[in-house]
Structure formats: C-alpha cells, structure tokens
C-alpha cells in the first residue's frame, strides 16, 4: 500500500547545520528504503515564502503569495512509500528527521484508475 508522509514543522526551528544533517539523514533513509523496494519519491520543499496559492471563485482565479493558511508549522517536504501496512509506514515516519522538530502526517494514497503511471 502506498502512503504519503507529509512533514510539517516550523521552518525557522532548524539551524543551518541541523538542516544539512536533516537532508543527509533523509537522503540516507531514501537509499535504504530504495534497497527494500519501499521508496517511491521524496523531496524537501522551498521555504513557505516562495509559495503561491490559488482558489477559483465564480470561475475566476484568485492568486495569493504564500500559503493558504497562517500556521506555525508549514509543509516542508514529503516521502511517498510503498509498504505492507500502516504499522510499517509509522515505523518509517518515526525515523524521519522532521519528526524530531515537527509532525509527520501519514496518509494512504488513493489509487485512481486511469492516471498515467508515475511510480
């Protein structure tokens, strides 16, 4: 079953050295998961200040800079994994560096028939 691990946190909570270590640890985990056939995708996101949000109202686009919601924690990155069950997803999510300073949301991926194959 495919799961998306959404990593939320305060992007200002990391020192530059901690951020570099986080990326190194995350990359190592990606390679480990790849060897087990569990890795599908992962990536950090640029800072929330680079975000653009769009809504449609009355057929017109409303475009705003930044995220839609004002929150302390922002979406900072994601992993997409393929594991047997939620317990395996929880085990992997608990190993993500982002879980130490923020929250990792685990969501099953709804597989929609007819989409082009990505993974």
N, C-alpha and C. Protein backbone atom coordinates (compact mmCIF):
# COMPACT_ATOMS: atom_id res chain seq x y z
N UNK A 1 0.84 -1.17 0.00
CA UNK A 1 0.00 0.00 0.00
C UNK A 1 0.89 1.24 0.00
N UNK A 2 0.48 2.22 -0.78
CA UNK A 2 1.25 3.45 -0.86
C UNK A 2 0.77 4.44 0.21
N UNK A 3 1.75 5.10 0.82
CA UNK A 3 1.48 6.13 1.82
C UNK A 3 2.29 7.36 1.47
N UNK A 4 1.71 8.53 1.76
CA UNK A 4 2.45 9.77 1.67
C UNK A 4 2.73 10.23 3.09
N UNK A 5 3.97 10.55 3.35
CA UNK A 5 4.39 11.07 4.65
C UNK A 5 4.63 12.56 4.46
N UNK A 6 3.77 13.37 5.03
CA UNK A 6 3.84 14.83 4.90
C UNK A 6 4.54 15.40 6.13
N UNK A 7 5.60 16.11 5.92
CA UNK A 7 6.44 16.59 7.01
C UNK A 7 6.15 18.06 7.27
N UNK A 8 5.62 18.35 8.46
CA UNK A 8 5.27 19.71 8.86
C UNK A 8 6.19 20.17 9.98
N UNK A 9 6.54 21.43 9.97
CA UNK A 9 7.33 21.97 11.06
C UNK A 9 7.54 23.46 10.87
N UNK A 10 8.09 24.07 11.88
CA UNK A 10 8.46 25.48 11.82
C UNK A 10 9.78 25.55 11.08
N UNK A 11 9.76 26.13 9.88
CA UNK A 11 10.98 26.13 9.07
C UNK A 11 12.10 26.95 9.70
N UNK A 12 11.80 27.75 10.71
CA UNK A 12 12.84 28.51 11.40
C UNK A 12 13.41 27.77 12.61
N UNK A 13 12.95 26.55 12.85
CA UNK A 13 13.39 25.80 14.02
C UNK A 13 14.74 25.11 13.80
N UNK A 14 15.22 25.11 12.56
CA UNK A 14 16.46 24.40 12.23
C UNK A 14 17.62 25.38 12.06
N UNK A 15 18.75 25.06 12.65
CA UNK A 15 19.97 25.82 12.36
C UNK A 15 20.47 25.36 10.99
N UNK A 16 21.35 26.12 10.36
CA UNK A 16 21.88 25.67 9.07
C UNK A 16 22.55 24.29 9.16
N UNK A 17 23.30 24.05 10.24
CA UNK A 17 23.95 22.74 10.40
C UNK A 17 22.92 21.62 10.60
N UNK A 18 21.88 21.89 11.38
CA UNK A 18 20.82 20.90 11.58
C UNK A 18 20.10 20.59 10.27
N UNK A 19 19.86 21.62 9.46
CA UNK A 19 19.19 21.43 8.17
C UNK A 19 20.04 20.56 7.24
N UNK A 20 21.33 20.81 7.21
CA UNK A 20 22.24 20.00 6.39
C UNK A 20 22.24 18.54 6.86
N UNK A 21 22.26 18.34 8.18
CA UNK A 21 22.25 16.98 8.73
C UNK A 21 20.91 16.30 8.43
N UNK A 22 19.83 17.05 8.52
CA UNK A 22 18.50 16.53 8.20
C UNK A 22 18.46 16.02 6.76
N UNK A 23 18.99 16.80 5.84
CA UNK A 23 18.98 16.40 4.43
C UNK A 23 19.86 15.18 4.20
N UNK A 24 21.01 15.13 4.88
CA UNK A 24 21.89 13.97 4.74
C UNK A 24 21.21 12.72 5.30
N UNK A 25 20.59 12.83 6.47
CA UNK A 25 19.91 11.69 7.07
C UNK A 25 18.71 11.24 6.23
N UNK A 26 17.98 12.20 5.68
CA UNK A 26 16.83 11.88 4.84
C UNK A 26 17.27 11.18 3.56
N UNK A 27 18.36 11.65 2.97
CA UNK A 27 18.88 11.02 1.75
C UNK A 27 19.33 9.60 2.03
N UNK A 28 19.99 9.38 3.16
CA UNK A 28 20.40 8.03 3.52
C UNK A 28 19.19 7.12 3.70
N UNK A 29 18.15 7.63 4.33
CA UNK A 29 16.93 6.84 4.52
C UNK A 29 16.30 6.51 3.17
N UNK A 30 16.30 7.45 2.24
CA UNK A 30 15.76 7.20 0.89
C UNK A 30 16.49 6.03 0.23
N UNK A 31 17.81 6.01 0.34
CA UNK A 31 18.59 4.92 -0.25
C UNK A 31 18.28 3.58 0.43
N UNK A 32 18.13 3.61 1.73
CA UNK A 32 17.79 2.39 2.47
C UNK A 32 16.42 1.86 2.03
N UNK A 33 15.44 2.76 1.94
CA UNK A 33 14.10 2.35 1.51
C UNK A 33 14.11 1.85 0.07
N UNK A 34 14.92 2.46 -0.80
CA UNK A 34 15.03 2.03 -2.20
C UNK A 34 15.53 0.59 -2.27
N UNK A 35 16.53 0.26 -1.45
CA UNK A 35 17.08 -1.10 -1.42
C UNK A 35 16.03 -2.13 -1.01
N UNK A 36 15.05 -1.71 -0.20
CA UNK A 36 13.99 -2.60 0.27
C UNK A 36 12.77 -2.58 -0.66
N UNK A 37 12.82 -1.77 -1.72
CA UNK A 37 11.69 -1.66 -2.63
C UNK A 37 10.53 -0.85 -2.07
N UNK A 38 10.80 0.01 -1.09
CA UNK A 38 9.74 0.77 -0.44
C UNK A 38 9.74 2.24 -0.83
N UNK A 39 10.76 2.71 -1.50
CA UNK A 39 10.89 4.13 -1.85
C UNK A 39 10.22 4.41 -3.18
N UNK A 40 9.37 5.44 -3.22
CA UNK A 40 8.77 5.88 -4.47
C UNK A 40 9.17 7.31 -4.81
N UNK A 41 9.20 8.20 -3.83
CA UNK A 41 9.58 9.59 -4.08
C UNK A 41 9.79 10.30 -2.75
N UNK A 42 10.55 11.39 -2.79
CA UNK A 42 10.74 12.24 -1.61
C UNK A 42 11.36 13.54 -2.07
N UNK A 43 11.07 14.61 -1.35
CA UNK A 43 11.70 15.88 -1.66
C UNK A 43 11.40 16.90 -0.57
N UNK A 44 12.40 17.71 -0.23
CA UNK A 44 12.09 18.87 0.62
C UNK A 44 11.46 19.94 -0.27
N UNK A 45 10.78 20.87 0.36
CA UNK A 45 10.18 21.99 -0.37
C UNK A 45 10.94 23.28 -0.06
N UNK A 46 10.88 24.22 -0.99
CA UNK A 46 11.48 25.53 -0.73
C UNK A 46 10.70 26.22 0.39
N UNK A 47 11.25 27.25 1.02
CA UNK A 47 10.57 27.93 2.13
C UNK A 47 9.17 28.40 1.75
N UNK A 48 8.33 28.50 2.75
CA UNK A 48 6.93 28.88 2.55
C UNK A 48 6.80 30.27 1.90
N UNK A 49 7.79 31.11 2.06
CA UNK A 49 7.75 32.44 1.44
C UNK A 49 7.74 32.35 -0.08
N UNK A 50 8.12 31.23 -0.65
CA UNK A 50 8.12 31.07 -2.11
C UNK A 50 6.80 30.49 -2.63
N UNK A 51 5.87 30.18 -1.73
CA UNK A 51 4.61 29.53 -2.11
C UNK A 51 3.66 30.51 -2.79
N UNK A 52 2.83 29.98 -3.65
CA UNK A 52 1.73 30.70 -4.27
C UNK A 52 0.49 29.84 -4.11
N UNK A 53 -0.61 30.44 -3.73
CA UNK A 53 -1.87 29.70 -3.56
C UNK A 53 -2.89 30.20 -4.57
N UNK A 54 -3.73 29.29 -5.03
CA UNK A 54 -4.76 29.65 -5.99
C UNK A 54 -6.10 29.08 -5.55
N UNK A 55 -7.14 29.89 -5.72
CA UNK A 55 -8.52 29.45 -5.48
C UNK A 55 -9.34 29.91 -6.66
N UNK A 56 -10.38 29.17 -6.95
CA UNK A 56 -11.31 29.58 -8.01
C UNK A 56 -12.61 30.02 -7.36
N UNK A 57 -13.04 31.21 -7.68
CA UNK A 57 -14.32 31.73 -7.18
C UNK A 57 -15.05 32.38 -8.35
N UNK A 58 -16.24 31.87 -8.59
CA UNK A 58 -17.02 32.41 -9.70
C UNK A 58 -16.33 32.26 -11.04
N UNK A 59 -15.54 31.19 -11.19
CA UNK A 59 -14.83 30.96 -12.44
C UNK A 59 -13.58 31.79 -12.61
N UNK A 60 -13.22 32.59 -11.61
CA UNK A 60 -12.02 33.43 -11.70
C UNK A 60 -10.96 32.92 -10.72
N UNK A 61 -9.72 33.05 -11.14
CA UNK A 61 -8.60 32.65 -10.30
C UNK A 61 -8.25 33.74 -9.31
N UNK A 62 -8.11 33.36 -8.06
CA UNK A 62 -7.60 34.27 -7.03
C UNK A 62 -6.23 33.74 -6.63
N UNK A 63 -5.21 34.50 -6.91
CA UNK A 63 -3.83 34.07 -6.67
C UNK A 63 -3.26 34.92 -5.54
N UNK A 64 -2.69 34.26 -4.53
CA UNK A 64 -2.07 34.97 -3.42
C UNK A 64 -0.68 34.42 -3.18
N UNK A 65 0.19 35.27 -2.68
CA UNK A 65 1.52 34.83 -2.29
C UNK A 65 1.43 34.11 -0.97
N UNK A 66 2.25 33.09 -0.80
CA UNK A 66 2.33 32.37 0.46
C UNK A 66 1.30 31.27 0.56
N UNK A 67 1.29 30.63 1.72
CA UNK A 67 0.37 29.51 1.92
C UNK A 67 -1.06 30.02 2.14
N UNK A 68 -2.01 29.13 1.99
CA UNK A 68 -3.42 29.48 2.16
C UNK A 68 -3.71 29.81 3.62
N UNK A 69 -3.17 29.01 4.55
CA UNK A 69 -3.47 29.18 5.97
C UNK A 69 -2.25 29.73 6.71
N UNK A 70 -2.49 30.59 7.64
CA UNK A 70 -1.42 31.10 8.51
C UNK A 70 -1.25 30.13 9.67
N UNK A 71 -0.14 29.44 9.71
CA UNK A 71 0.12 28.46 10.76
C UNK A 71 1.57 28.56 11.21
N UNK A 72 1.86 28.00 12.37
CA UNK A 72 3.24 27.95 12.85
C UNK A 72 4.01 26.89 12.08
N UNK A 73 3.36 25.75 11.81
CA UNK A 73 4.01 24.67 11.07
C UNK A 73 3.62 24.74 9.60
N UNK A 74 4.61 24.57 8.74
CA UNK A 74 4.37 24.58 7.31
C UNK A 74 4.78 23.22 6.74
N UNK A 75 4.19 22.88 5.59
CA UNK A 75 4.59 21.68 4.88
C UNK A 75 6.00 21.91 4.36
N UNK A 76 6.92 21.07 4.80
CA UNK A 76 8.32 21.26 4.44
C UNK A 76 8.87 20.22 3.49
N UNK A 77 8.15 19.11 3.32
CA UNK A 77 8.63 18.07 2.43
C UNK A 77 7.73 16.85 2.51
N UNK A 78 8.08 15.85 1.73
CA UNK A 78 7.26 14.65 1.70
C UNK A 78 8.08 13.43 1.30
N UNK A 79 7.56 12.28 1.63
CA UNK A 79 8.03 10.98 1.16
C UNK A 79 6.82 10.26 0.63
N UNK A 80 6.97 9.47 -0.42
CA UNK A 80 5.94 8.54 -0.86
C UNK A 80 6.58 7.17 -0.78
N UNK A 81 5.93 6.29 -0.02
CA UNK A 81 6.48 4.96 0.22
C UNK A 81 5.46 3.89 -0.15
N UNK A 82 5.95 2.68 -0.35
CA UNK A 82 5.08 1.54 -0.66
C UNK A 82 5.44 0.44 0.34
N UNK A 83 4.55 0.23 1.31
CA UNK A 83 4.79 -0.73 2.38
C UNK A 83 3.57 -1.64 2.54
N UNK A 84 3.71 -2.64 3.40
CA UNK A 84 2.63 -3.61 3.58
C UNK A 84 1.44 -3.05 4.33
N UNK A 85 1.69 -2.16 5.31
CA UNK A 85 0.59 -1.71 6.16
C UNK A 85 0.95 -0.43 6.90
N UNK A 86 -0.01 0.08 7.64
CA UNK A 86 0.17 1.32 8.40
C UNK A 86 1.29 1.19 9.43
N UNK A 87 1.42 0.03 10.05
CA UNK A 87 2.48 -0.14 11.05
C UNK A 87 3.86 0.10 10.44
N UNK A 88 4.09 -0.39 9.22
CA UNK A 88 5.38 -0.15 8.56
C UNK A 88 5.53 1.34 8.22
N UNK A 89 4.46 1.97 7.80
CA UNK A 89 4.51 3.41 7.49
C UNK A 89 4.84 4.21 8.75
N UNK A 90 4.25 3.83 9.87
CA UNK A 90 4.53 4.52 11.15
C UNK A 90 6.00 4.35 11.53
N UNK A 91 6.52 3.14 11.35
CA UNK A 91 7.93 2.89 11.69
C UNK A 91 8.85 3.77 10.87
N UNK A 92 8.57 3.88 9.58
CA UNK A 92 9.41 4.72 8.71
C UNK A 92 9.23 6.20 9.07
N UNK A 93 7.98 6.63 9.27
CA UNK A 93 7.73 8.04 9.61
C UNK A 93 8.44 8.44 10.89
N UNK A 94 8.53 7.52 11.83
CA UNK A 94 9.19 7.84 13.10
C UNK A 94 10.70 8.00 12.94
N UNK A 95 11.25 7.56 11.81
CA UNK A 95 12.68 7.69 11.55
C UNK A 95 13.02 8.96 10.79
N UNK A 96 12.02 9.69 10.32
CA UNK A 96 12.28 10.91 9.56
C UNK A 96 12.81 12.00 10.48
N UNK A 97 13.87 12.69 10.07
CA UNK A 97 14.41 13.76 10.92
C UNK A 97 13.37 14.83 11.26
N UNK A 98 12.44 15.09 10.36
CA UNK A 98 11.42 16.10 10.61
C UNK A 98 10.50 15.78 11.77
N UNK A 99 10.40 14.51 12.14
CA UNK A 99 9.56 14.11 13.26
C UNK A 99 10.13 14.60 14.59
N UNK A 100 11.43 14.92 14.61
CA UNK A 100 12.07 15.37 15.85
C UNK A 100 11.68 16.81 16.21
N UNK A 101 11.36 17.62 15.19
CA UNK A 101 11.06 19.03 15.44
C UNK A 101 9.68 19.44 14.96
N UNK A 102 8.94 18.49 14.43
CA UNK A 102 7.63 18.83 13.88
C UNK A 102 6.71 17.62 13.90
N UNK A 103 5.88 17.52 12.89
CA UNK A 103 4.87 16.49 12.79
C UNK A 103 4.98 15.81 11.43
N UNK A 104 4.82 14.49 11.41
CA UNK A 104 4.74 13.76 10.15
C UNK A 104 3.33 13.19 10.06
N UNK A 105 2.59 13.65 9.07
CA UNK A 105 1.25 13.14 8.82
C UNK A 105 1.37 11.98 7.84
N UNK A 106 0.72 10.87 8.17
CA UNK A 106 0.74 9.67 7.34
C UNK A 106 -0.62 9.52 6.68
N UNK A 107 -0.63 9.53 5.34
CA UNK A 107 -1.91 9.42 4.62
C UNK A 107 -1.80 8.33 3.57
N UNK A 108 -2.78 7.40 3.55
CA UNK A 108 -2.78 6.42 2.46
C UNK A 108 -3.06 7.14 1.14
N UNK A 109 -2.41 6.67 0.10
CA UNK A 109 -2.61 7.25 -1.23
C UNK A 109 -3.78 6.53 -1.89
N UNK A 110 -4.74 7.30 -2.36
CA UNK A 110 -5.89 6.75 -3.07
C UNK A 110 -5.45 6.52 -4.51
N UNK A 111 -5.47 5.28 -4.92
CA UNK A 111 -5.03 4.96 -6.28
C UNK A 111 -6.21 5.06 -7.23
N UNK A 112 -6.13 6.03 -8.11
CA UNK A 112 -7.20 6.32 -9.04
C UNK A 112 -6.90 5.69 -10.39
N UNK A 113 -7.77 4.81 -10.83
CA UNK A 113 -7.60 4.14 -12.12
C UNK A 113 -7.61 5.16 -13.25
N UNK A 114 -6.81 4.92 -14.26
CA UNK A 114 -6.80 5.77 -15.43
C UNK A 114 -5.73 6.85 -15.42
N UNK A 115 -5.05 7.05 -14.29
CA UNK A 115 -3.98 8.05 -14.25
C UNK A 115 -2.73 7.46 -14.91
N UNK A 116 -1.91 8.32 -15.51
CA UNK A 116 -0.67 7.79 -16.09
C UNK A 116 0.24 7.27 -14.99
N UNK A 117 0.96 6.23 -15.27
CA UNK A 117 1.88 5.65 -14.28
C UNK A 117 3.04 6.56 -13.98
N UNK A 118 3.23 6.86 -12.72
CA UNK A 118 4.33 7.71 -12.29
C UNK A 118 5.35 6.89 -11.52
N UNK A 119 4.87 6.03 -10.65
CA UNK A 119 5.74 5.26 -9.78
C UNK A 119 5.90 3.88 -10.37
